[in-house]
Amino acid sequence: MIFDTHCHLNAKELYKDHEKYIISAKNEGVAAFLVVGYDYLSSKIAVELAEKFDFIYAAVGYHPVDVLKAKTSELEKTFELLKHPKVVALGEIGLDYHWIEDASEREKQKEFFIRQIELANENELPIIIHNRDATNDTYQILKEHKVNKGGIMHCYSGSLAMAIELIKLGFYISMGGPVTFKNARVPKEVVKAIPLDKLLVETDCPYLAPHPLRGTINEPKNIVYTVKEIAELREKSIEEIEKTTFNNAKKILGL
């Protein structure tokens, strides 16, 4: 059994045929899905999917790029969803300096990041972190603003040293399609070295399709490529990686 801890069946590329993608993934051994929001509409759809399927769970929150254009009314409606019983995490939240270069906008990202950490603590939920080109600031905020229920470093691309520090703060390290890329030296090093009980798998579909499907629209069933790569790197059976990461997901998400 596989737990896809970060997928966007709520994205336009997949939502229109979401049942087809779910069936295909189930046939490949994907037993549970965490559909992650990034703004109000995507969070609302994530909750609706979680209501429709007992094996789907939802995370709601504002992506660091999307939060810059959010209306106050939309933010309020999004955070109201945190009370829903199928919402098991707040996310994806964090910092993105790749797309946002303006200093004042980066400061606004930080403010909303901290606010959403506070909301997670108020609602006793873990968080899901989006970090792109902002590792040091992300780490400093997480270090200074304790997340009571810990969280997930989504599609982790940082160093092994930083992964170890984040694990100390209560975070799990989630790997997606990029770990299968031929030139993914650092992610492969991370997978080999971190404690197995802190490792998760994800697709981030429809983005980041694994090798040999790189450049195509990703879908949940493709998580098998990531699991296989991790099994080879760890010199473990596919079944052991599936079982361990599935149980890890249940633990961090409180299931």
Foldseek 3Di string as FASTA:
>chain_A
DAEAEEAACVDPVNVVPVVVLVVLQVVLPHQAYEHEEAWQSSQVVQVVVCVVDVRYAYAFEHELVRVLVDDPVRRVNRLVCLPDPRHLEHDDAEAACPVPPDPVSRVVSLVRRLVSLVSCQVSVHEYEYDDHPCLVVRLVSCVVRQRPLYYEDPQDLDALVSQVVSVVSVYAYEHEQVLQDPPSVRVLVNLQDDDLLRYAYHHHFLPRQHPPVPPHRDGNNSSLSVLVSSCVSNVHDSVVSRVSNVVSSCRSSVD
